[in-house]
Each structure stands twice: as structure tokens, then as C-alpha cells.
N, C-alpha and C. Protein backbone atom coordinates (compact mmCIF):
# COMPACT_ATOMS: atom_id res chain seq x y z
N UNK A 1 155.43 -25.32 -119.21
CA UNK A 1 155.50 -24.11 -118.39
C UNK A 1 155.74 -22.91 -119.30
N UNK A 2 154.93 -21.88 -119.12
CA UNK A 2 155.04 -20.68 -119.93
C UNK A 2 156.37 -19.97 -119.69
N UNK A 3 157.01 -19.58 -120.78
CA UNK A 3 158.24 -18.80 -120.67
C UNK A 3 158.30 -17.82 -121.82
N UNK A 4 158.56 -16.57 -121.50
CA UNK A 4 158.72 -15.50 -122.48
C UNK A 4 160.05 -14.82 -122.20
N UNK A 5 160.94 -14.81 -123.19
CA UNK A 5 162.27 -14.26 -122.99
C UNK A 5 162.53 -13.20 -124.04
N UNK A 6 162.58 -11.95 -123.58
CA UNK A 6 162.83 -10.82 -124.48
C UNK A 6 164.31 -10.45 -124.46
N UNK A 7 164.79 -9.96 -125.60
CA UNK A 7 166.18 -9.52 -125.70
C UNK A 7 166.32 -8.51 -126.83
N UNK A 8 167.49 -7.87 -126.89
CA UNK A 8 167.78 -6.98 -128.00
C UNK A 8 167.72 -5.50 -127.69
N UNK A 9 167.30 -5.15 -126.49
CA UNK A 9 167.22 -3.74 -126.14
C UNK A 9 168.59 -3.12 -125.97
N UNK A 10 168.60 -1.82 -125.74
CA UNK A 10 169.87 -1.12 -125.53
C UNK A 10 169.69 0.37 -125.56
N UNK A 11 170.82 1.05 -125.55
CA UNK A 11 170.85 2.51 -125.62
C UNK A 11 171.09 2.91 -127.08
N UNK A 12 170.25 3.78 -127.60
CA UNK A 12 170.37 4.20 -128.99
C UNK A 12 170.08 5.68 -129.10
N UNK A 13 170.70 6.32 -130.06
CA UNK A 13 170.48 7.75 -130.27
C UNK A 13 169.16 7.99 -131.00
N UNK A 14 168.57 9.16 -130.85
CA UNK A 14 167.36 9.48 -131.62
C UNK A 14 167.59 9.27 -133.12
N UNK A 15 166.60 8.64 -133.75
CA UNK A 15 166.72 8.32 -135.17
C UNK A 15 167.32 6.95 -135.43
N UNK A 16 167.81 6.31 -134.38
CA UNK A 16 168.45 5.02 -134.53
C UNK A 16 167.46 3.86 -134.62
N UNK A 17 168.00 2.65 -134.70
CA UNK A 17 167.19 1.44 -134.87
C UNK A 17 167.63 0.32 -133.94
N UNK A 18 166.70 -0.55 -133.64
CA UNK A 18 166.96 -1.75 -132.86
C UNK A 18 166.02 -2.84 -133.34
N UNK A 19 166.41 -4.08 -133.12
CA UNK A 19 165.51 -5.20 -133.33
C UNK A 19 165.42 -6.00 -132.04
N UNK A 20 164.21 -6.12 -131.53
CA UNK A 20 163.96 -6.89 -130.33
C UNK A 20 163.50 -8.29 -130.70
N UNK A 21 163.81 -9.24 -129.83
CA UNK A 21 163.38 -10.63 -130.03
C UNK A 21 162.66 -11.12 -128.79
N UNK A 22 161.72 -12.01 -129.00
CA UNK A 22 161.02 -12.65 -127.89
C UNK A 22 160.85 -14.12 -128.25
N UNK A 23 161.45 -14.99 -127.47
CA UNK A 23 161.33 -16.43 -127.67
C UNK A 23 160.36 -16.97 -126.64
N UNK A 24 159.38 -17.73 -127.11
CA UNK A 24 158.30 -18.20 -126.24
C UNK A 24 158.27 -19.72 -126.17
N UNK A 25 157.77 -20.24 -125.07
CA UNK A 25 157.56 -21.68 -124.91
C UNK A 25 156.44 -21.89 -123.91
N UNK A 26 155.90 -23.12 -123.91
CA UNK A 26 154.84 -23.44 -122.96
C UNK A 26 153.45 -23.34 -123.53
N UNK A 27 153.34 -22.99 -124.80
CA UNK A 27 152.04 -22.95 -125.47
C UNK A 27 152.30 -23.15 -126.96
N UNK A 28 151.23 -23.32 -127.73
CA UNK A 28 151.37 -23.56 -129.16
C UNK A 28 151.64 -22.24 -129.87
N UNK A 29 152.92 -21.97 -130.07
CA UNK A 29 153.33 -20.67 -130.59
C UNK A 29 152.78 -20.40 -131.99
N UNK A 30 152.93 -21.36 -132.88
CA UNK A 30 152.57 -21.13 -134.28
C UNK A 30 151.09 -20.79 -134.45
N UNK A 31 150.26 -21.24 -133.56
CA UNK A 31 148.83 -20.98 -133.66
C UNK A 31 148.37 -19.78 -132.88
N UNK A 32 149.29 -19.11 -132.22
CA UNK A 32 148.95 -18.01 -131.34
C UNK A 32 149.33 -16.66 -131.93
N UNK A 33 148.40 -15.71 -131.87
CA UNK A 33 148.79 -14.33 -132.13
C UNK A 33 149.75 -13.89 -131.04
N UNK A 34 150.62 -12.96 -131.41
CA UNK A 34 151.59 -12.43 -130.45
C UNK A 34 151.58 -10.92 -130.51
N UNK A 35 151.87 -10.31 -129.38
CA UNK A 35 151.89 -8.85 -129.30
C UNK A 35 153.10 -8.37 -128.52
N UNK A 36 153.50 -7.17 -128.83
CA UNK A 36 154.50 -6.45 -128.05
C UNK A 36 153.80 -5.33 -127.28
N UNK A 37 154.28 -5.13 -126.06
CA UNK A 37 153.80 -4.06 -125.20
C UNK A 37 155.01 -3.32 -124.66
N UNK A 38 154.80 -2.13 -124.13
CA UNK A 38 155.89 -1.40 -123.49
C UNK A 38 155.36 -0.65 -122.29
N UNK A 39 156.28 -0.40 -121.37
CA UNK A 39 155.94 0.35 -120.17
C UNK A 39 157.05 1.32 -119.85
N UNK A 40 156.69 2.58 -119.89
CA UNK A 40 157.65 3.64 -119.53
C UNK A 40 157.52 3.92 -118.04
N UNK A 41 158.55 4.48 -117.43
CA UNK A 41 158.51 4.77 -115.99
C UNK A 41 157.32 5.64 -115.63
N UNK A 42 156.55 5.20 -114.65
CA UNK A 42 155.42 5.97 -114.19
C UNK A 42 154.18 5.90 -115.06
N UNK A 43 154.23 5.04 -116.09
CA UNK A 43 153.08 4.92 -117.00
C UNK A 43 152.55 3.50 -117.02
N UNK A 44 151.33 3.36 -117.53
CA UNK A 44 150.72 2.05 -117.69
C UNK A 44 151.39 1.30 -118.85
N UNK A 45 151.33 -0.02 -118.77
CA UNK A 45 151.81 -0.82 -119.89
C UNK A 45 150.86 -0.61 -121.06
N UNK A 46 151.43 -0.43 -122.27
CA UNK A 46 150.59 -0.14 -123.43
C UNK A 46 150.91 -1.06 -124.60
N UNK A 47 149.91 -1.27 -125.41
CA UNK A 47 150.07 -2.08 -126.61
C UNK A 47 150.94 -1.36 -127.63
N UNK A 48 151.79 -2.13 -128.32
CA UNK A 48 152.66 -1.56 -129.35
C UNK A 48 152.36 -2.17 -130.73
N UNK A 49 152.39 -3.50 -130.82
CA UNK A 49 152.22 -4.15 -132.13
C UNK A 49 151.73 -5.58 -131.92
N UNK A 50 151.00 -6.09 -132.92
CA UNK A 50 150.48 -7.45 -132.85
C UNK A 50 150.58 -8.13 -134.20
N UNK A 51 150.66 -9.46 -134.16
CA UNK A 51 150.73 -10.25 -135.38
C UNK A 51 149.98 -11.55 -135.17
N UNK A 52 149.24 -11.99 -136.18
CA UNK A 52 148.51 -13.24 -136.06
C UNK A 52 149.47 -14.43 -136.23
N UNK A 53 148.99 -15.63 -135.88
CA UNK A 53 149.82 -16.82 -135.93
C UNK A 53 150.46 -17.08 -137.28
N UNK A 54 149.66 -17.07 -138.35
CA UNK A 54 150.23 -17.29 -139.69
C UNK A 54 150.82 -16.03 -140.32
N UNK A 55 150.95 -14.96 -139.55
CA UNK A 55 151.51 -13.68 -140.03
C UNK A 55 150.65 -13.03 -141.10
N UNK A 56 149.35 -13.33 -141.09
CA UNK A 56 148.49 -12.74 -142.11
C UNK A 56 148.16 -11.30 -141.80
N UNK A 57 147.98 -11.01 -140.53
CA UNK A 57 147.57 -9.65 -140.14
C UNK A 57 148.49 -9.08 -139.08
N UNK A 58 148.67 -7.78 -139.14
CA UNK A 58 149.41 -7.06 -138.12
C UNK A 58 148.63 -5.81 -137.73
N UNK A 59 148.93 -5.31 -136.54
CA UNK A 59 148.30 -4.07 -136.08
C UNK A 59 149.31 -3.32 -135.24
N UNK A 60 149.25 -2.00 -135.32
CA UNK A 60 150.21 -1.16 -134.60
C UNK A 60 149.49 -0.05 -133.85
N UNK A 61 150.09 0.34 -132.75
CA UNK A 61 149.64 1.55 -132.07
C UNK A 61 149.92 2.74 -132.98
N UNK A 62 149.07 3.74 -132.93
CA UNK A 62 149.26 4.91 -133.79
C UNK A 62 150.63 5.56 -133.59
N UNK A 63 151.12 5.52 -132.37
CA UNK A 63 152.38 6.19 -132.04
C UNK A 63 153.60 5.55 -132.71
N UNK A 64 153.47 4.30 -133.17
CA UNK A 64 154.63 3.62 -133.75
C UNK A 64 154.40 3.24 -135.21
N UNK A 65 153.20 3.48 -135.71
CA UNK A 65 152.86 3.08 -137.08
C UNK A 65 153.82 3.75 -138.07
N UNK A 66 154.35 2.94 -138.99
CA UNK A 66 155.28 3.46 -139.97
C UNK A 66 156.73 3.46 -139.51
N UNK A 67 156.96 3.22 -138.23
CA UNK A 67 158.33 3.19 -137.70
C UNK A 67 158.72 1.82 -137.18
N UNK A 68 157.77 1.08 -136.62
CA UNK A 68 158.04 -0.24 -136.06
C UNK A 68 157.44 -1.32 -136.95
N UNK A 69 158.09 -2.48 -136.98
CA UNK A 69 157.58 -3.62 -137.76
C UNK A 69 157.65 -4.87 -136.91
N UNK A 70 156.52 -5.57 -136.81
CA UNK A 70 156.47 -6.84 -136.09
C UNK A 70 156.55 -7.98 -137.09
N UNK A 71 157.28 -9.02 -136.73
CA UNK A 71 157.40 -10.21 -137.57
C UNK A 71 157.62 -11.42 -136.66
N UNK A 72 157.60 -12.60 -137.26
CA UNK A 72 157.76 -13.80 -136.44
C UNK A 72 158.38 -14.91 -137.26
N UNK A 73 159.01 -15.86 -136.56
CA UNK A 73 159.54 -17.07 -137.17
C UNK A 73 159.00 -18.23 -136.35
N UNK A 74 157.99 -18.89 -136.87
CA UNK A 74 157.34 -19.96 -136.11
C UNK A 74 158.25 -21.18 -135.94
N UNK A 75 159.27 -21.31 -136.78
CA UNK A 75 160.21 -22.43 -136.60
C UNK A 75 161.06 -22.23 -135.36
N UNK A 76 161.24 -20.97 -134.99
CA UNK A 76 162.09 -20.64 -133.84
C UNK A 76 161.28 -20.19 -132.62
N UNK A 77 159.94 -20.23 -132.73
CA UNK A 77 159.08 -19.77 -131.64
C UNK A 77 159.47 -18.36 -131.20
N UNK A 78 159.75 -17.51 -132.17
CA UNK A 78 160.27 -16.18 -131.87
C UNK A 78 159.48 -15.12 -132.61
N UNK A 79 159.17 -14.05 -131.91
CA UNK A 79 158.56 -12.87 -132.50
C UNK A 79 159.54 -11.71 -132.38
N UNK A 80 159.58 -10.88 -133.42
CA UNK A 80 160.54 -9.78 -133.48
C UNK A 80 159.80 -8.44 -133.54
N UNK A 81 160.50 -7.41 -133.12
CA UNK A 81 160.00 -6.05 -133.28
C UNK A 81 161.17 -5.20 -133.74
N UNK A 82 161.09 -4.71 -134.97
CA UNK A 82 162.11 -3.83 -135.50
C UNK A 82 161.67 -2.40 -135.26
N UNK A 83 162.51 -1.66 -134.59
CA UNK A 83 162.21 -0.28 -134.21
C UNK A 83 163.10 0.65 -135.03
N UNK A 84 162.50 1.48 -135.85
CA UNK A 84 163.23 2.45 -136.64
C UNK A 84 162.86 3.87 -136.23
N UNK A 85 163.74 4.80 -136.56
CA UNK A 85 163.50 6.22 -136.27
C UNK A 85 163.08 6.40 -134.82
N UNK A 86 163.85 5.85 -133.92
CA UNK A 86 163.50 5.89 -132.51
C UNK A 86 163.53 7.31 -131.96
N UNK A 87 162.59 7.58 -131.09
CA UNK A 87 162.45 8.88 -130.45
C UNK A 87 162.52 8.70 -128.94
N UNK A 88 162.74 9.78 -128.24
CA UNK A 88 162.86 9.71 -126.78
C UNK A 88 161.61 9.11 -126.14
N UNK A 89 160.47 9.36 -126.74
CA UNK A 89 159.22 8.84 -126.16
C UNK A 89 159.06 7.34 -126.34
N UNK A 90 159.97 6.72 -127.09
CA UNK A 90 159.97 5.26 -127.23
C UNK A 90 160.72 4.58 -126.10
N UNK A 91 161.37 5.37 -125.25
CA UNK A 91 162.10 4.80 -124.12
C UNK A 91 161.13 4.09 -123.19
N UNK A 92 161.39 2.80 -122.96
CA UNK A 92 160.48 1.97 -122.15
C UNK A 92 161.06 0.58 -122.02
N UNK A 93 160.45 -0.20 -121.15
CA UNK A 93 160.72 -1.63 -121.09
C UNK A 93 159.73 -2.29 -122.04
N UNK A 94 160.26 -3.17 -122.90
CA UNK A 94 159.42 -3.81 -123.91
C UNK A 94 159.21 -5.28 -123.54
N UNK A 95 157.95 -5.71 -123.68
CA UNK A 95 157.55 -7.06 -123.32
C UNK A 95 156.75 -7.68 -124.46
N UNK A 96 156.76 -9.01 -124.53
CA UNK A 96 155.88 -9.70 -125.47
C UNK A 96 154.91 -10.58 -124.67
N UNK A 97 153.83 -10.95 -125.34
CA UNK A 97 152.86 -11.87 -124.73
C UNK A 97 152.03 -12.46 -125.85
N UNK A 98 151.38 -13.56 -125.60
CA UNK A 98 150.43 -14.11 -126.56
C UNK A 98 149.19 -13.23 -126.57
N UNK A 99 148.49 -13.25 -127.69
CA UNK A 99 147.28 -12.44 -127.81
C UNK A 99 147.43 -11.41 -128.90
N UNK A 100 146.27 -10.91 -129.38
CA UNK A 100 146.27 -9.92 -130.46
C UNK A 100 145.77 -8.60 -129.91
N UNK A 101 146.68 -7.71 -129.62
CA UNK A 101 146.50 -6.38 -129.04
C UNK A 101 146.21 -6.39 -127.54
N UNK A 102 145.80 -7.54 -127.03
CA UNK A 102 145.62 -7.71 -125.59
C UNK A 102 146.44 -8.91 -125.14
N UNK A 103 146.83 -8.96 -123.88
CA UNK A 103 147.68 -10.06 -123.45
C UNK A 103 146.84 -11.21 -122.92
N UNK A 104 147.33 -12.43 -123.27
CA UNK A 104 146.62 -13.63 -122.86
C UNK A 104 147.02 -14.09 -121.47
N UNK A 105 148.32 -13.96 -121.17
CA UNK A 105 148.83 -14.52 -119.93
C UNK A 105 149.18 -13.42 -118.94
N UNK A 106 148.88 -13.65 -117.68
CA UNK A 106 149.26 -12.71 -116.64
C UNK A 106 150.75 -12.78 -116.33
N UNK A 107 151.36 -13.90 -116.70
CA UNK A 107 152.80 -14.04 -116.47
C UNK A 107 153.56 -13.36 -117.59
N UNK A 108 154.56 -12.55 -117.22
CA UNK A 108 155.36 -11.82 -118.19
C UNK A 108 156.83 -12.23 -118.10
N UNK A 109 157.56 -11.95 -119.16
CA UNK A 109 159.00 -12.14 -119.13
C UNK A 109 159.66 -10.98 -118.40
N UNK A 110 160.99 -10.96 -118.46
CA UNK A 110 161.74 -9.92 -117.76
C UNK A 110 161.76 -8.61 -118.53
N UNK A 111 161.37 -8.67 -119.80
CA UNK A 111 161.37 -7.48 -120.62
C UNK A 111 162.77 -7.14 -121.12
N UNK A 112 162.84 -6.19 -122.04
CA UNK A 112 164.12 -5.68 -122.53
C UNK A 112 164.03 -4.17 -122.61
N UNK A 113 165.03 -3.50 -122.06
CA UNK A 113 164.99 -2.05 -121.93
C UNK A 113 165.48 -1.37 -123.21
N UNK A 114 164.69 -0.42 -123.68
CA UNK A 114 165.09 0.43 -124.80
C UNK A 114 165.20 1.86 -124.27
N UNK A 115 166.37 2.44 -124.43
CA UNK A 115 166.59 3.81 -124.00
C UNK A 115 167.05 4.63 -125.20
N UNK A 116 166.32 5.67 -125.50
CA UNK A 116 166.65 6.55 -126.63
C UNK A 116 167.14 7.88 -126.07
N UNK A 117 168.40 8.15 -126.29
CA UNK A 117 168.99 9.35 -125.72
C UNK A 117 170.23 9.73 -126.50
N UNK A 118 170.45 11.05 -126.61
CA UNK A 118 171.67 11.52 -127.26
C UNK A 118 172.77 11.73 -126.24
């Protein structure tokens, strides 16, 4: 059974940092590309970052390039997103899913909220 569990969000001041985690089960994690998405209030869910199964390639949305880093630990079935130099426009619910820049599964986890505010 597919399960995606995101964690690590919180309230942070502008310029601050967070590391999000997503632990997955129900599919072959090590062979699957993984992506992070986010959804701000009143907006569509958007792609943030992606990583291939063997961590050979990564891709980022232009809005986060140079500030966010995606990584993974296939032994733990976990994908991470390190968020640096956070800005108010990064405030959103963050989700992970299988797939490279697009989501594979219609089922989503509960997400983790990131709020950037002074």
C-alpha cells in the first residue's frame, strides 16, 4: 500500500533554513525518481525539485534554484529537501511523490507546512 509521510516543516524567519523529510513505502523506492511539490493557499500545486533513483540527476524550479537542495537515502526510503534562504513566497504546504518533475501517484501524503514570517 502506497504511503508518503512528510515531516520537518515549521515556522521560520526570512533567511532561515529547514530540512524536510519524506519517507515512502508501497513501491520500489530505490528505483524511483522522487519529487517535491508545494501548494500555497489559493494556488495550484507546483513542482519544486526532483531527483533520480540513483541520485545521478536533479532538477529544480527556477524559483528555488540555488537555495533548495534535494537528496535521498535509499537505505531509509527517504527523500529530503533542504531549504535555505527562505523567503515569504516559499510559504506553502510541501508534498513528495514518485516521479521526475511530475507526480506518479494520485494519492498524496498529509504534507508538511512551511511558514516563512518575521
